[in-house]
PDB file of all heavy atoms in Angstrom:
ATOM      1  N   ALA A   1     115.046  91.976 121.450  1.00  0.00           N
ATOM      2  CA  ALA A   1     116.310  91.512 122.036  1.00  0.00           C
ATOM      3  C   ALA A   1     117.168  90.823 120.976  1.00  0.00           C
ATOM      4  O   ALA A   1     118.387  91.019 120.905  1.00  0.00           O
ATOM      5  CB  ALA A   1     116.027  90.557 123.194  1.00  0.00           C
ATOM      6  N   ASN A   2     116.527  90.002 120.129  1.00  0.00           N
ATOM      7  CA  ASN A   2     117.255  89.324 119.047  1.00  0.00           C
ATOM      8  C   ASN A   2     117.914  90.321 118.112  1.00  0.00           C
ATOM      9  O   ASN A   2     119.081  90.167 117.741  1.00  0.00           O
ATOM     10  CB  ASN A   2     116.308  88.429 118.234  1.00  0.00           C
ATOM     11  CG  ASN A   2     115.843  87.187 118.972  1.00  0.00           C
ATOM     12  OD1 ASN A   2     114.862  86.548 118.603  1.00  0.00           O
ATOM     13  ND2 ASN A   2     116.533  86.821 120.034  1.00  0.00           N
ATOM     14  N   LYS A   3     117.165  91.342 117.731  1.00  0.00           N
ATOM     15  CA  LYS A   3     117.721  92.345 116.807  1.00  0.00           C
ATOM     16  C   LYS A   3     118.940  93.040 117.417  1.00  0.00           C
ATOM     17  O   LYS A   3     119.930  93.305 116.732  1.00  0.00           O
ATOM     18  CB  LYS A   3     116.641  93.364 116.438  1.00  0.00           C
ATOM     19  CG  LYS A   3     115.601  92.800 115.475  1.00  0.00           C
ATOM     20  CD  LYS A   3     114.522  93.816 115.161  1.00  0.00           C
ATOM     21  CE  LYS A   3     113.550  93.275 114.114  1.00  0.00           C
ATOM     22  NZ  LYS A   3     112.402  94.176 113.895  1.00  0.00           N
ATOM     23  N   LEU A   4     118.863  93.345 118.718  1.00  0.00           N
ATOM     24  CA  LEU A   4     120.003  93.977 119.396  1.00  0.00           C
ATOM     25  C   LEU A   4     121.222  93.054 119.403  1.00  0.00           C
ATOM     26  O   LEU A   4     122.360  93.520 119.412  1.00  0.00           O
ATOM     27  CB  LEU A   4     119.627  94.346 120.838  1.00  0.00           C
ATOM     28  CG  LEU A   4     118.653  95.520 121.002  1.00  0.00           C
ATOM     29  CD1 LEU A   4     118.204  95.644 122.445  1.00  0.00           C
ATOM     30  CD2 LEU A   4     119.296  96.829 120.542  1.00  0.00           C
ATOM     31  N   ASN A   5     120.976  91.746 119.382  1.00  0.00           N
ATOM     32  CA  ASN A   5     122.081  90.776 119.377  1.00  0.00           C
ATOM     33  C   ASN A   5     122.476  90.333 117.969  1.00  0.00           C
ATOM     34  O   ASN A   5     123.243  89.390 117.808  1.00  0.00           O
ATOM     35  CB  ASN A   5     121.701  89.551 120.223  1.00  0.00           C
ATOM     36  CG  ASN A   5     121.896  89.806 121.709  1.00  0.00           C
ATOM     37  OD1 ASN A   5     122.889  90.402 122.111  1.00  0.00           O
ATOM     38  ND2 ASN A   5     120.954  89.363 122.526  1.00  0.00           N
ATOM     39  N   GLY A   6     121.927  90.994 116.955  1.00  0.00           N
ATOM     40  CA  GLY A   6     122.306  90.674 115.584  1.00  0.00           C
ATOM     41  C   GLY A   6     121.693  89.401 115.043  1.00  0.00           C
ATOM     42  O   GLY A   6     122.162  88.842 114.048  1.00  0.00           O
ATOM     43  N   VAL A   7     120.629  88.921 115.706  1.00  0.00           N
ATOM     44  CA  VAL A   7     119.936  87.714 115.242  1.00  0.00           C
ATOM     45  C   VAL A   7     118.769  88.145 114.358  1.00  0.00           C
ATOM     46  O   VAL A   7     118.039  89.081 114.691  1.00  0.00           O
ATOM     47  CB  VAL A   7     119.404  86.890 116.444  1.00  0.00           C
ATOM     48  CG1 VAL A   7     118.621  85.675 115.978  1.00  0.00           C
ATOM     49  CG2 VAL A   7     120.559  86.481 117.347  1.00  0.00           C
ATOM     50  N   ASP A   8     118.597  87.475 113.221  1.00  0.00           N
ATOM     51  CA  ASP A   8     117.484  87.832 112.330  1.00  0.00           C
ATOM     52  C   ASP A   8     116.169  87.409 112.974  1.00  0.00           C
ATOM     53  O   ASP A   8     115.973  86.238 113.297  1.00  0.00           O
ATOM     54  CB  ASP A   8     117.651  87.178 110.959  1.00  0.00           C
ATOM     55  CG  ASP A   8     117.737  85.655 111.035  1.00  0.00           C
ATOM     56  OD1 ASP A   8     118.458  85.156 111.923  1.00  0.00           O
ATOM     57  OD2 ASP A   8     117.083  84.976 110.231  1.00  0.00           O
ATOM     58  N   ALA A   9     115.295  88.363 113.204  1.00  0.00           N
ATOM     59  CA  ALA A   9     114.010  88.062 113.844  1.00  0.00           C
ATOM     60  C   ALA A   9     113.009  89.120 113.435  1.00  0.00           C
ATOM     61  O   ALA A   9     113.362  90.287 113.250  1.00  0.00           O
ATOM     62  CB  ALA A   9     114.166  88.047 115.363  1.00  0.00           C
ATOM     63  N   GLU A  10     111.772  88.700 113.290  1.00  0.00           N
ATOM     64  CA  GLU A  10     110.723  89.682 112.988  1.00  0.00           C
ATOM     65  C   GLU A  10     109.411  89.215 113.609  1.00  0.00           C
ATOM     66  O   GLU A  10     109.193  88.026 113.848  1.00  0.00           O
ATOM     67  CB  GLU A  10     110.579  89.897 111.482  1.00  0.00           C
ATOM     68  CG  GLU A  10     110.465  88.628 110.652  1.00  0.00           C
ATOM     69  CD  GLU A  10     110.650  88.888 109.160  1.00  0.00           C
ATOM     70  OE1 GLU A  10     109.661  89.280 108.516  1.00  0.00           O
ATOM     71  OE2 GLU A  10     111.775  88.658 108.658  1.00  0.00           O
ATOM     72  N   TRP A  11     108.553  90.191 113.888  1.00  0.00           N
ATOM     73  CA  TRP A  11     107.212  89.908 114.391  1.00  0.00           C
ATOM     74  C   TRP A  11     106.262  89.972 113.213  1.00  0.00           C
ATOM     75  O   TRP A  11     106.297  90.932 112.426  1.00  0.00           O
ATOM     76  CB  TRP A  11     106.805  90.922 115.461  1.00  0.00           C
ATOM     77  CG  TRP A  11     105.352  90.820 115.822  1.00  0.00           C
ATOM     78  CD1 TRP A  11     104.342  91.639 115.435  1.00  0.00           C
ATOM     79  CD2 TRP A  11     104.737  89.791 116.620  1.00  0.00           C
ATOM     80  NE1 TRP A  11     103.137  91.208 115.930  1.00  0.00           N
ATOM     81  CE2 TRP A  11     103.348  90.075 116.665  1.00  0.00           C
ATOM     82  CE3 TRP A  11     105.219  88.676 117.290  1.00  0.00           C
ATOM     83  CZ2 TRP A  11     102.449  89.269 117.362  1.00  0.00           C
ATOM     84  CZ3 TRP A  11     104.323  87.875 117.987  1.00  0.00           C
ATOM     85  CH2 TRP A  11     102.954  88.179 118.017  1.00  0.00           C
ATOM     86  N   ILE A  12     105.433  88.943 113.031  1.00  0.00           N
ATOM     87  CA  ILE A  12     104.513  88.940 111.894  1.00  0.00           C
ATOM     88  C   ILE A  12     103.081  88.721 112.387  1.00  0.00           C
ATOM     89  O   ILE A  12     102.854  88.126 113.443  1.00  0.00           O
ATOM     90  CB  ILE A  12     104.900  87.871 110.838  1.00  0.00           C
ATOM     91  CG1 ILE A  12     104.889  86.464 111.437  1.00  0.00           C
ATOM     92  CG2 ILE A  12     106.266  88.175 110.236  1.00  0.00           C
ATOM     93  CD1 ILE A  12     105.149  85.362 110.423  1.00  0.00           C
ATOM     94  N   ASP A  13     102.118  89.214 111.617  1.00  0.00           N
ATOM     95  CA  ASP A  13     100.710  89.096 112.016  1.00  0.00           C
ATOM     96  C   ASP A  13     100.115  87.785 111.481  1.00  0.00           C
ATOM     97  O   ASP A  13     100.755  87.082 110.687  1.00  0.00           O
ATOM     98  CB  ASP A  13      99.916  90.320 111.550  1.00  0.00           C
ATOM     99  CG  ASP A  13      99.889  90.465 110.029  1.00  0.00           C
ATOM    100  OD1 ASP A  13      99.887  89.431 109.319  1.00  0.00           O
ATOM    101  OD2 ASP A  13      99.856  91.607 109.534  1.00  0.00           O
ATOM    102  N   PRO A  14      98.889  87.445 111.900  1.00  0.00           N
ATOM    103  CA  PRO A  14      98.308  86.149 111.498  1.00  0.00           C
ATOM    104  C   PRO A  14      98.240  85.948 109.979  1.00  0.00           C
ATOM    105  O   PRO A  14      98.444  84.831 109.490  1.00  0.00           O
ATOM    106  CB  PRO A  14      96.911  86.185 112.121  1.00  0.00           C
ATOM    107  CG  PRO A  14      97.053  87.077 113.309  1.00  0.00           C
ATOM    108  CD  PRO A  14      98.051  88.117 112.910  1.00  0.00           C
ATOM    109  N   GLN A  15      97.962  87.014 109.250  1.00  0.00           N
ATOM    110  CA  GLN A  15      97.873  86.889 107.798  1.00  0.00           C
ATOM    111  C   GLN A  15      99.229  86.503 107.192  1.00  0.00           C
ATOM    112  O   GLN A  15      99.308  85.674 106.279  1.00  0.00           O
ATOM    113  CB  GLN A  15      97.362  88.204 107.183  1.00  0.00           C
ATOM    114  CG  GLN A  15      96.694  88.031 105.821  1.00  0.00           C
ATOM    115  CD  GLN A  15      95.609  86.956 105.785  1.00  0.00           C
ATOM    116  OE1 GLN A  15      94.709  86.946 106.614  1.00  0.00           O
ATOM    117  NE2 GLN A  15      95.710  86.020 104.833  1.00  0.00           N
ATOM    118  N   GLN A  16     100.292  87.091 107.735  1.00  0.00           N
ATOM    119  CA  GLN A  16     101.642  86.742 107.257  1.00  0.00           C
ATOM    120  C   GLN A  16     102.007  85.310 107.648  1.00  0.00           C
ATOM    121  O   GLN A  16     102.704  84.613 106.900  1.00  0.00           O
ATOM    122  CB  GLN A  16     102.663  87.732 107.841  1.00  0.00           C
ATOM    123  CG  GLN A  16     102.546  89.140 107.274  1.00  0.00           C
ATOM    124  CD  GLN A  16     103.394  90.130 108.067  1.00  0.00           C
ATOM    125  OE1 GLN A  16     103.168  90.367 109.256  1.00  0.00           O
ATOM    126  NE2 GLN A  16     104.389  90.705 107.409  1.00  0.00           N
ATOM    127  N   VAL A  17     101.512  84.872 108.813  1.00  0.00           N
ATOM    128  CA  VAL A  17     101.715  83.474 109.222  1.00  0.00           C
ATOM    129  C   VAL A  17     101.076  82.554 108.178  1.00  0.00           C
ATOM    130  O   VAL A  17     101.678  81.568 107.733  1.00  0.00           O
ATOM    131  CB  VAL A  17     101.109  83.202 110.621  1.00  0.00           C
ATOM    132  CG1 VAL A  17     101.128  81.705 110.940  1.00  0.00           C
ATOM    133  CG2 VAL A  17     101.849  83.985 111.699  1.00  0.00           C
ATOM    134  N   LYS A  18      99.864  82.893 107.759  1.00  0.00           N
ATOM    135  CA  LYS A  18      99.131  82.091 106.768  1.00  0.00           C
ATOM    136  C   LYS A  18      99.867  82.068 105.423  1.00  0.00           C
ATOM    137  O   LYS A  18      99.890  81.049 104.727  1.00  0.00           O
ATOM    138  CB  LYS A  18      97.723  82.676 106.599  1.00  0.00           C
ATOM    139  CG  LYS A  18      96.804  81.863 105.698  1.00  0.00           C
ATOM    140  CD  LYS A  18      96.245  80.644 106.408  1.00  0.00           C
ATOM    141  CE  LYS A  18      95.176  79.949 105.592  1.00  0.00           C
ATOM    142  NZ  LYS A  18      94.737  78.686 106.221  1.00  0.00           N
ATOM    143  N   GLU A  19     100.473  83.199 105.057  1.00  0.00           N
ATOM    144  CA  GLU A  19     101.223  83.250 103.794  1.00  0.00           C
ATOM    145  C   GLU A  19     102.444  82.336 103.841  1.00  0.00           C
ATOM    146  O   GLU A  19     102.784  81.674 102.855  1.00  0.00           O
ATOM    147  CB  GLU A  19     101.654  84.693 103.504  1.00  0.00           C
ATOM    148  CG  GLU A  19     100.506  85.581 103.011  1.00  0.00           C
ATOM    149  CD  GLU A  19     100.865  87.066 103.074  1.00  0.00           C
ATOM    150  OE1 GLU A  19     102.080  87.377 103.083  1.00  0.00           O
ATOM    151  OE2 GLU A  19      99.945  87.899 103.124  1.00  0.00           O
ATOM    152  N   LEU A  20     103.110  82.303 105.004  1.00  0.00           N
ATOM    153  CA  LEU A  20     104.300  81.458 105.138  1.00  0.00           C
ATOM    154  C   LEU A  20     103.929  79.987 105.263  1.00  0.00           C
ATOM    155  O   LEU A  20     104.676  79.112 104.825  1.00  0.00           O
ATOM    156  CB  LEU A  20     105.117  81.884 106.368  1.00  0.00           C
ATOM    157  CG  LEU A  20     105.927  83.170 106.221  1.00  0.00           C
ATOM    158  CD1 LEU A  20     106.365  83.680 107.581  1.00  0.00           C
ATOM    159  CD2 LEU A  20     107.142  82.932 105.331  1.00  0.00           C
ATOM    160  N   CYS A  21     102.778  79.706 105.876  1.00  0.00           N
ATOM    161  CA  CYS A  21     102.345  78.321 106.099  1.00  0.00           C
ATOM    162  C   CYS A  21     100.853  78.210 105.787  1.00  0.00           C
ATOM    163  O   CYS A  21     100.010  78.342 106.683  1.00  0.00           O
ATOM    164  CB  CYS A  21     102.638  77.918 107.543  1.00  0.00           C
ATOM    165  SG  CYS A  21     102.312  76.178 107.853  1.00  0.00           S
ATOM    166  N   PRO A  22     100.512  77.973 104.521  1.00  0.00           N
ATOM    167  CA  PRO A  22      99.101  78.023 104.090  1.00  0.00           C
ATOM    168  C   PRO A  22      98.185  77.021 104.789  1.00  0.00           C
ATOM    169  O   PRO A  22      96.970  77.232 104.837  1.00  0.00           O
ATOM    170  CB  PRO A  22      99.179  77.729 102.585  1.00  0.00           C
ATOM    171  CG  PRO A  22     100.585  78.058 102.190  1.00  0.00           C
ATOM    172  CD  PRO A  22     101.427  77.758 103.388  1.00  0.00           C
ATOM    173  N   ILE A  23      98.724  75.927 105.337  1.00  0.00           N
ATOM    174  CA  ILE A  23      97.846  74.895 105.910  1.00  0.00           C
ATOM    175  C   ILE A  23      97.457  75.196 107.360  1.00  0.00           C
ATOM    176  O   ILE A  23      96.670  74.472 107.956  1.00  0.00           O
ATOM    177  CB  ILE A  23      98.503  73.494 105.848  1.00  0.00           C
ATOM    178  CG1 ILE A  23      99.830  73.473 106.628  1.00  0.00           C
ATOM    179  CG2 ILE A  23      98.703  73.050 104.417  1.00  0.00           C
ATOM    180  CD1 ILE A  23     100.428  72.082 106.778  1.00  0.00           C
ATOM    181  N   ILE A  24      97.958  76.275 107.932  1.00  0.00           N
ATOM    182  CA  ILE A  24      97.679  76.560 109.342  1.00  0.00           C
ATOM    183  C   ILE A  24      96.309  77.231 109.482  1.00  0.00           C
ATOM    184  O   ILE A  24      95.851  77.943 108.585  1.00  0.00           O
ATOM    185  CB  ILE A  24      98.810  77.429 109.947  1.00  0.00           C
ATOM    186  CG1 ILE A  24      98.872  77.272 111.468  1.00  0.00           C
ATOM    187  CG2 ILE A  24      98.670  78.888 109.557  1.00  0.00           C
ATOM    188  CD1 ILE A  24     100.170  77.767 112.089  1.00  0.00           C
ATOM    189  N   ASN A  25      95.663  76.982 110.606  1.00  0.00           N
ATOM    190  CA  ASN A  25      94.335  77.553 110.866  1.00  0.00           C
ATOM    191  C   ASN A  25      94.487  78.853 111.654  1.00  0.00           C
ATOM    192  O   ASN A  25      94.872  78.839 112.820  1.00  0.00           O
ATOM    193  CB  ASN A  25      93.517  76.535 111.671  1.00  0.00           C
ATOM    194  CG  ASN A  25      92.111  77.034 111.969  1.00  0.00           C
ATOM    195  OD1 ASN A  25      91.706  78.098 111.499  1.00  0.00           O
ATOM    196  ND2 ASN A  25      91.366  76.270 112.754  1.00  0.00           N
TER     197      ASN A  25
END
């Protein structure tokens, strides 16, 4: 829905979450 409205949004997997925030479990 965000993409259709021109809002920057993406779905990321747990590994990508860890890359963006290394301290998360």
